[in-house]
């Protein structure tokens, strides 16, 4: 199977295919999204699809990895961050909570959960390129703060996953299970700031 690195995802034709695949996968699931349906939505031929992707699993992998890498790089930025870890964490938390509530990320979470039992390899792709990638990037930010003496953390990897879960408190699961469909900015700020406050109480000297 191809890696995402073997596909030039910036070419217009690949973007066109991925756009069609995205709507098909999120609406119909992995198994339900046939290649016929994907090419119909993308407005390309099957021959064109297979020129870029060897099979449907490769296309799915490229879609998931691309979406997750883009969002992890945006939320947990390693460059241009202020040195003050509190300011960094508050910015990350707010961006992360907003991302978790976005329709696209909610759809990807539901897709990964729905397909995990039948297609564990595909669910693992989502985990590795989504939640785990975010935790690895956050670990790098935390390690820098520990080195500067701003935080005291014995298990940085665990702390990164704890931060992730704090940001998912309350409204993420309400949204994921469609208990509620919208949240005012006041509630988003409450969750993001509460996550940082709890995290700093645990790890700040």
C-alpha atoms as a PDB file:
ATOM      1  CA  UNK A   1       0.000   0.000   0.000  1.00  0.00           C
ATOM      2  CA  UNK A   2       1.234   3.498  -0.812  1.00  0.00           C
ATOM      3  CA  UNK A   3       2.163   5.951   1.909  1.00  0.00           C
ATOM      4  CA  UNK A   4       0.741   9.461   1.912  1.00  0.00           C
ATOM      5  CA  UNK A   5       4.303  10.627   1.315  1.00  0.00           C
ATOM      6  CA  UNK A   6       4.242   8.807  -2.050  1.00  0.00           C
ATOM      7  CA  UNK A   7       1.239  10.854  -3.221  1.00  0.00           C
ATOM      8  CA  UNK A   8       1.577  14.520  -4.137  1.00  0.00           C
ATOM      9  CA  UNK A   9      -1.549  15.680  -2.352  1.00  0.00           C
ATOM     10  CA  UNK A  10      -1.090  19.271  -3.525  1.00  0.00           C
ATOM     11  CA  UNK A  11      -1.830  18.523  -7.187  1.00  0.00           C
ATOM     12  CA  UNK A  12      -5.265  19.774  -8.302  1.00  0.00           C
ATOM     13  CA  UNK A  13      -6.389  16.328  -9.513  1.00  0.00           C
ATOM     14  CA  UNK A  14      -5.479  14.636  -6.213  1.00  0.00           C
ATOM     15  CA  UNK A  15      -7.288  17.389  -4.322  1.00  0.00           C
ATOM     16  CA  UNK A  16     -10.331  16.818  -6.519  1.00  0.00           C
ATOM     17  CA  UNK A  17     -10.290  13.087  -5.782  1.00  0.00           C
ATOM     18  CA  UNK A  18      -9.789  13.628  -2.050  1.00  0.00           C
ATOM     19  CA  UNK A  19     -12.682  16.075  -1.930  1.00  0.00           C
ATOM     20  CA  UNK A  20     -15.003  13.477  -3.444  1.00  0.00           C
ATOM     21  CA  UNK A  21     -13.605  10.742  -1.188  1.00  0.00           C
ATOM     22  CA  UNK A  22     -14.060  12.897   1.881  1.00  0.00           C
ATOM     23  CA  UNK A  23     -17.787  13.406   1.334  1.00  0.00           C
ATOM     24  CA  UNK A  24     -18.300   9.736   0.464  1.00  0.00           C
ATOM     25  CA  UNK A  25     -16.369   8.322   3.441  1.00  0.00           C
ATOM     26  CA  UNK A  26     -17.923  10.662   5.997  1.00  0.00           C
ATOM     27  CA  UNK A  27     -21.456  10.070   4.733  1.00  0.00           C
ATOM     28  CA  UNK A  28     -21.334   6.370   3.840  1.00  0.00           C
ATOM     29  CA  UNK A  29     -18.471   4.931   5.887  1.00  0.00           C
ATOM     30  CA  UNK A  30     -15.462   3.077   4.560  1.00  0.00           C
ATOM     31  CA  UNK A  31     -17.269  -0.044   3.370  1.00  0.00           C
ATOM     32  CA  UNK A  32     -20.301   1.847   2.073  1.00  0.00           C
ATOM     33  CA  UNK A  33     -18.242   4.240  -0.040  1.00  0.00           C
ATOM     34  CA  UNK A  34     -17.664   2.284  -3.249  1.00  0.00           C
ATOM     35  CA  UNK A  35     -15.056   3.404  -5.753  1.00  0.00           C
ATOM     36  CA  UNK A  36     -17.925   4.036  -8.189  1.00  0.00           C
ATOM     37  CA  UNK A  37     -19.488   6.454  -5.703  1.00  0.00           C
ATOM     38  CA  UNK A  38     -16.162   8.136  -4.965  1.00  0.00           C
ATOM     39  CA  UNK A  39     -15.344   8.789  -8.619  1.00  0.00           C
ATOM     40  CA  UNK A  40     -18.894  10.025  -9.209  1.00  0.00           C
ATOM     41  CA  UNK A  41     -18.573  12.568  -6.409  1.00  0.00           C
ATOM     42  CA  UNK A  42     -15.056  13.525  -7.450  1.00  0.00           C
ATOM     43  CA  UNK A  43     -16.034  13.932 -11.097  1.00  0.00           C
ATOM     44  CA  UNK A  44     -13.191  11.720 -12.366  1.00  0.00           C
ATOM     45  CA  UNK A  45     -12.893   8.325 -14.041  1.00  0.00           C
ATOM     46  CA  UNK A  46     -11.811   5.155 -12.279  1.00  0.00           C
ATOM     47  CA  UNK A  47      -8.699   5.168 -14.420  1.00  0.00           C
ATOM     48  CA  UNK A  48      -7.787   8.609 -13.122  1.00  0.00           C
ATOM     49  CA  UNK A  49      -8.350   7.529  -9.510  1.00  0.00           C
ATOM     50  CA  UNK A  50      -6.102   4.482  -9.931  1.00  0.00           C
ATOM     51  CA  UNK A  51      -3.413   6.613 -11.561  1.00  0.00           C
ATOM     52  CA  UNK A  52      -2.927   8.239  -8.164  1.00  0.00           C
ATOM     53  CA  UNK A  53      -4.153   5.631  -5.656  1.00  0.00           C
ATOM     54  CA  UNK A  54      -3.546   1.895  -5.917  1.00  0.00           C
ATOM     55  CA  UNK A  55      -6.748   0.970  -4.039  1.00  0.00           C
ATOM     56  CA  UNK A  56      -9.511   2.320  -1.813  1.00  0.00           C
ATOM     57  CA  UNK A  57      -7.535   1.692   1.373  1.00  0.00           C
ATOM     58  CA  UNK A  58      -4.691   3.861   0.090  1.00  0.00           C
ATOM     59  CA  UNK A  59      -7.174   6.607  -0.721  1.00  0.00           C
ATOM     60  CA  UNK A  60      -8.727   6.334   2.741  1.00  0.00           C
ATOM     61  CA  UNK A  61      -5.290   6.400   4.369  1.00  0.00           C
ATOM     62  CA  UNK A  62      -4.294   9.509   2.436  1.00  0.00           C
ATOM     63  CA  UNK A  63      -7.554  11.245   3.344  1.00  0.00           C
ATOM     64  CA  UNK A  64      -7.303  10.462   7.071  1.00  0.00           C
ATOM     65  CA  UNK A  65      -3.571  11.137   7.421  1.00  0.00           C
ATOM     66  CA  UNK A  66      -3.824  14.392   5.482  1.00  0.00           C
ATOM     67  CA  UNK A  67      -6.734  15.723   7.538  1.00  0.00           C
ATOM     68  CA  UNK A  68      -5.174  14.748  10.868  1.00  0.00           C
ATOM     69  CA  UNK A  69      -1.658  15.987  10.078  1.00  0.00           C
ATOM     70  CA  UNK A  70      -3.004  19.337   8.930  1.00  0.00           C
ATOM     71  CA  UNK A  71      -5.020  19.848  12.105  1.00  0.00           C
ATOM     72  CA  UNK A  72      -2.324  18.577  14.509  1.00  0.00           C
ATOM     73  CA  UNK A  73       0.234  20.890  12.909  1.00  0.00           C
ATOM     74  CA  UNK A  74      -2.165  23.825  13.227  1.00  0.00           C
ATOM     75  CA  UNK A  75      -3.199  23.237  16.837  1.00  0.00           C
ATOM     76  CA  UNK A  76       0.095  22.076  18.345  1.00  0.00           C
ATOM     77  CA  UNK A  77       2.489  24.421  16.592  1.00  0.00           C
ATOM     78  CA  UNK A  78       6.146  24.004  17.515  1.00  0.00           C
ATOM     79  CA  UNK A  79       7.364  27.140  15.757  1.00  0.00           C
ATOM     80  CA  UNK A  80       6.621  30.696  16.755  1.00  0.00           C
ATOM     81  CA  UNK A  81       5.198  29.840  20.170  1.00  0.00           C
ATOM     82  CA  UNK A  82       5.761  32.267  23.064  1.00  0.00           C
ATOM     83  CA  UNK A  83       8.112  30.860  25.650  1.00  0.00           C
ATOM     84  CA  UNK A  84       5.531  31.245  28.441  1.00  0.00           C
ATOM     85  CA  UNK A  85       3.950  27.799  28.708  1.00  0.00           C
ATOM     86  CA  UNK A  86       0.651  29.058  30.132  1.00  0.00           C
ATOM     87  CA  UNK A  87       0.050  31.321  27.128  1.00  0.00           C
ATOM     88  CA  UNK A  88       1.035  28.478  24.794  1.00  0.00           C
ATOM     89  CA  UNK A  89      -1.292  25.980  26.472  1.00  0.00           C
ATOM     90  CA  UNK A  90      -4.233  28.390  26.497  1.00  0.00           C
ATOM     91  CA  UNK A  91      -3.840  29.007  22.774  1.00  0.00           C
ATOM     92  CA  UNK A  92      -3.500  25.265  22.081  1.00  0.00           C
ATOM     93  CA  UNK A  93      -6.480  24.368  24.269  1.00  0.00           C
ATOM     94  CA  UNK A  94      -8.792  26.889  22.638  1.00  0.00           C
ATOM     95  CA  UNK A  95      -7.800  25.809  19.126  1.00  0.00           C
ATOM     96  CA  UNK A  96      -8.064  22.139  20.097  1.00  0.00           C
ATOM     97  CA  UNK A  97     -11.546  22.409  21.628  1.00  0.00           C
ATOM     98  CA  UNK A  98     -12.764  24.274  18.535  1.00  0.00           C
ATOM     99  CA  UNK A  99     -11.237  21.588  16.317  1.00  0.00           C
ATOM    100  CA  UNK A 100     -12.831  18.770  18.313  1.00  0.00           C
ATOM    101  CA  UNK A 101     -16.253  20.373  17.834  1.00  0.00           C
ATOM    102  CA  UNK A 102     -15.825  21.025  14.096  1.00  0.00           C
ATOM    103  CA  UNK A 103     -18.127  18.997  11.811  1.00  0.00           C
ATOM    104  CA  UNK A 104     -15.169  17.559   9.889  1.00  0.00           C
ATOM    105  CA  UNK A 105     -13.350  16.236  12.952  1.00  0.00           C
ATOM    106  CA  UNK A 106     -16.559  14.965  14.515  1.00  0.00           C
ATOM    107  CA  UNK A 107     -17.255  13.088  11.300  1.00  0.00           C
ATOM    108  CA  UNK A 108     -13.780  11.536  11.256  1.00  0.00           C
ATOM    109  CA  UNK A 109     -14.093  10.418  14.888  1.00  0.00           C
ATOM    110  CA  UNK A 110     -17.447   8.788  14.181  1.00  0.00           C
ATOM    111  CA  UNK A 111     -16.058   7.128  11.058  1.00  0.00           C
ATOM    112  CA  UNK A 112     -13.055   5.715  12.921  1.00  0.00           C
ATOM    113  CA  UNK A 113     -15.230   4.411  15.760  1.00  0.00           C
ATOM    114  CA  UNK A 114     -17.775   2.887  13.381  1.00  0.00           C
ATOM    115  CA  UNK A 115     -15.123   1.048  11.352  1.00  0.00           C
ATOM    116  CA  UNK A 116     -12.757   0.079  14.205  1.00  0.00           C
ATOM    117  CA  UNK A 117     -14.086  -3.437  14.736  1.00  0.00           C
ATOM    118  CA  UNK A 118     -14.339  -4.425  11.060  1.00  0.00           C
ATOM    119  CA  UNK A 119     -11.252  -2.544   9.889  1.00  0.00           C
ATOM    120  CA  UNK A 120      -8.846  -2.190  12.847  1.00  0.00           C
ATOM    121  CA  UNK A 121      -5.943  -1.248  10.571  1.00  0.00           C
ATOM    122  CA  UNK A 122      -7.868   1.762   9.284  1.00  0.00           C
ATOM    123  CA  UNK A 123      -8.817   2.821  12.813  1.00  0.00           C
ATOM    124  CA  UNK A 124      -5.143   2.556  13.784  1.00  0.00           C
ATOM    125  CA  UNK A 125      -4.253   4.896  10.917  1.00  0.00           C
ATOM    126  CA  UNK A 126      -6.611   7.481  12.406  1.00  0.00           C
ATOM    127  CA  UNK A 127      -5.175   7.023  15.892  1.00  0.00           C
ATOM    128  CA  UNK A 128      -1.545   7.250  14.769  1.00  0.00           C
ATOM    129  CA  UNK A 129      -2.035  10.290  12.534  1.00  0.00           C
ATOM    130  CA  UNK A 130      -4.616  12.020  14.739  1.00  0.00           C
ATOM    131  CA  UNK A 131      -4.723  11.702  18.546  1.00  0.00           C
ATOM    132  CA  UNK A 132      -1.272  10.147  18.890  1.00  0.00           C
ATOM    133  CA  UNK A 133       0.384  12.670  16.563  1.00  0.00           C
ATOM    134  CA  UNK A 134      -1.171  15.507  18.541  1.00  0.00           C
ATOM    135  CA  UNK A 135       0.091  13.990  21.801  1.00  0.00           C
ATOM    136  CA  UNK A 136       3.602  13.610  20.375  1.00  0.00           C
ATOM    137  CA  UNK A 137       3.703  17.230  19.264  1.00  0.00           C
ATOM    138  CA  UNK A 138       2.346  18.408  22.623  1.00  0.00           C
ATOM    139  CA  UNK A 139       4.985  16.283  24.361  1.00  0.00           C
ATOM    140  CA  UNK A 140       7.654  18.310  22.571  1.00  0.00           C
ATOM    141  CA  UNK A 141       6.113  21.557  23.841  1.00  0.00           C
ATOM    142  CA  UNK A 142       5.920  20.179  27.381  1.00  0.00           C
ATOM    143  CA  UNK A 143       9.497  18.904  27.261  1.00  0.00           C
ATOM    144  CA  UNK A 144      10.678  22.419  26.411  1.00  0.00           C
ATOM    145  CA  UNK A 145       8.734  23.854  29.369  1.00  0.00           C
ATOM    146  CA  UNK A 146      10.211  21.221  31.698  1.00  0.00           C
ATOM    147  CA  UNK A 147      13.719  22.065  30.486  1.00  0.00           C
ATOM    148  CA  UNK A 148      13.055  25.749  31.244  1.00  0.00           C
ATOM    149  CA  UNK A 149      11.758  24.910  34.730  1.00  0.00           C
ATOM    150  CA  UNK A 150       8.186  26.079  34.000  1.00  0.00           C
ATOM    151  CA  UNK A 151       6.711  22.627  34.617  1.00  0.00           C
ATOM    152  CA  UNK A 152       7.657  19.570  36.666  1.00  0.00           C
ATOM    153  CA  UNK A 153       6.540  16.408  34.850  1.00  0.00           C
ATOM    154  CA  UNK A 154       7.883  12.900  35.427  1.00  0.00           C
ATOM    155  CA  UNK A 155       5.901  11.263  32.596  1.00  0.00           C
ATOM    156  CA  UNK A 156       5.595  13.741  29.734  1.00  0.00           C
ATOM    157  CA  UNK A 157       3.802  11.307  27.416  1.00  0.00           C
ATOM    158  CA  UNK A 158       1.121  10.643  30.029  1.00  0.00           C
ATOM    159  CA  UNK A 159       0.755  14.364  30.735  1.00  0.00           C
ATOM    160  CA  UNK A 160       0.178  15.061  27.024  1.00  0.00           C
ATOM    161  CA  UNK A 161      -2.642  12.507  26.901  1.00  0.00           C
ATOM    162  CA  UNK A 162      -4.104  13.956  30.113  1.00  0.00           C
ATOM    163  CA  UNK A 163      -4.209  17.398  28.506  1.00  0.00           C
ATOM    164  CA  UNK A 164      -6.015  15.854  25.527  1.00  0.00           C
ATOM    165  CA  UNK A 165      -8.670  14.366  27.795  1.00  0.00           C
ATOM    166  CA  UNK A 166      -9.118  17.577  29.777  1.00  0.00           C
ATOM    167  CA  UNK A 167      -9.911  19.379  26.520  1.00  0.00           C
ATOM    168  CA  UNK A 168     -12.546  16.729  25.728  1.00  0.00           C
ATOM    169  CA  UNK A 169     -14.433  17.226  28.978  1.00  0.00           C
ATOM    170  CA  UNK A 170     -18.200  17.605  28.730  1.00  0.00           C
ATOM    171  CA  UNK A 171     -19.010  19.195  25.381  1.00  0.00           C
ATOM    172  CA  UNK A 172     -16.876  16.999  23.073  1.00  0.00           C
ATOM    173  CA  UNK A 173     -18.860  13.885  23.960  1.00  0.00           C
ATOM    174  CA  UNK A 174     -22.168  15.746  23.887  1.00  0.00           C
ATOM    175  CA  UNK A 175     -21.309  16.765  20.346  1.00  0.00           C
ATOM    176  CA  UNK A 176     -19.923  13.359  19.319  1.00  0.00           C
ATOM    177  CA  UNK A 177     -23.110  11.566  20.388  1.00  0.00           C
ATOM    178  CA  UNK A 178     -25.282  14.442  19.110  1.00  0.00           C
ATOM    179  CA  UNK A 179     -26.760  15.213  22.505  1.00  0.00           C
ATOM    180  CA  UNK A 180     -26.232  18.839  21.487  1.00  0.00           C
ATOM    181  CA  UNK A 181     -25.256  20.311  18.128  1.00  0.00           C
ATOM    182  CA  UNK A 182     -23.967  23.795  18.956  1.00  0.00           C
ATOM    183  CA  UNK A 183     -22.064  25.496  21.756  1.00  0.00           C
ATOM    184  CA  UNK A 184     -21.602  29.216  22.432  1.00  0.00           C
ATOM    185  CA  UNK A 185     -18.106  30.650  22.650  1.00  0.00           C
ATOM    186  CA  UNK A 186     -18.565  31.062  26.415  1.00  0.00           C
ATOM    187  CA  UNK A 187     -18.791  27.282  26.861  1.00  0.00           C
ATOM    188  CA  UNK A 188     -15.821  26.635  24.570  1.00  0.00           C
ATOM    189  CA  UNK A 189     -13.738  29.133  26.585  1.00  0.00           C
ATOM    190  CA  UNK A 190     -14.883  27.475  29.826  1.00  0.00           C
ATOM    191  CA  UNK A 191     -13.656  24.049  28.730  1.00  0.00           C
ATOM    192  CA  UNK A 192     -10.364  25.320  27.283  1.00  0.00           C
ATOM    193  CA  UNK A 193      -9.473  27.489  30.277  1.00  0.00           C
ATOM    194  CA  UNK A 194     -10.603  24.827  32.725  1.00  0.00           C
ATOM    195  CA  UNK A 195      -8.343  22.287  31.020  1.00  0.00           C
ATOM    196  CA  UNK A 196      -5.308  24.568  31.311  1.00  0.00           C
ATOM    197  CA  UNK A 197      -6.106  25.547  34.903  1.00  0.00           C
ATOM    198  CA  UNK A 198      -6.342  21.900  35.986  1.00  0.00           C
ATOM    199  CA  UNK A 199      -3.205  20.954  34.054  1.00  0.00           C
ATOM    200  CA  UNK A 200      -1.129  23.757  35.563  1.00  0.00           C
ATOM    201  CA  UNK A 201      -2.332  22.951  39.077  1.00  0.00           C
ATOM    202  CA  UNK A 202      -0.982  19.459  38.557  1.00  0.00           C
ATOM    203  CA  UNK A 203       2.348  20.292  36.925  1.00  0.00           C
ATOM    204  CA  UNK A 204       3.415  23.865  37.613  1.00  0.00           C
ATOM    205  CA  UNK A 205       6.049  24.249  40.372  1.00  0.00           C
END
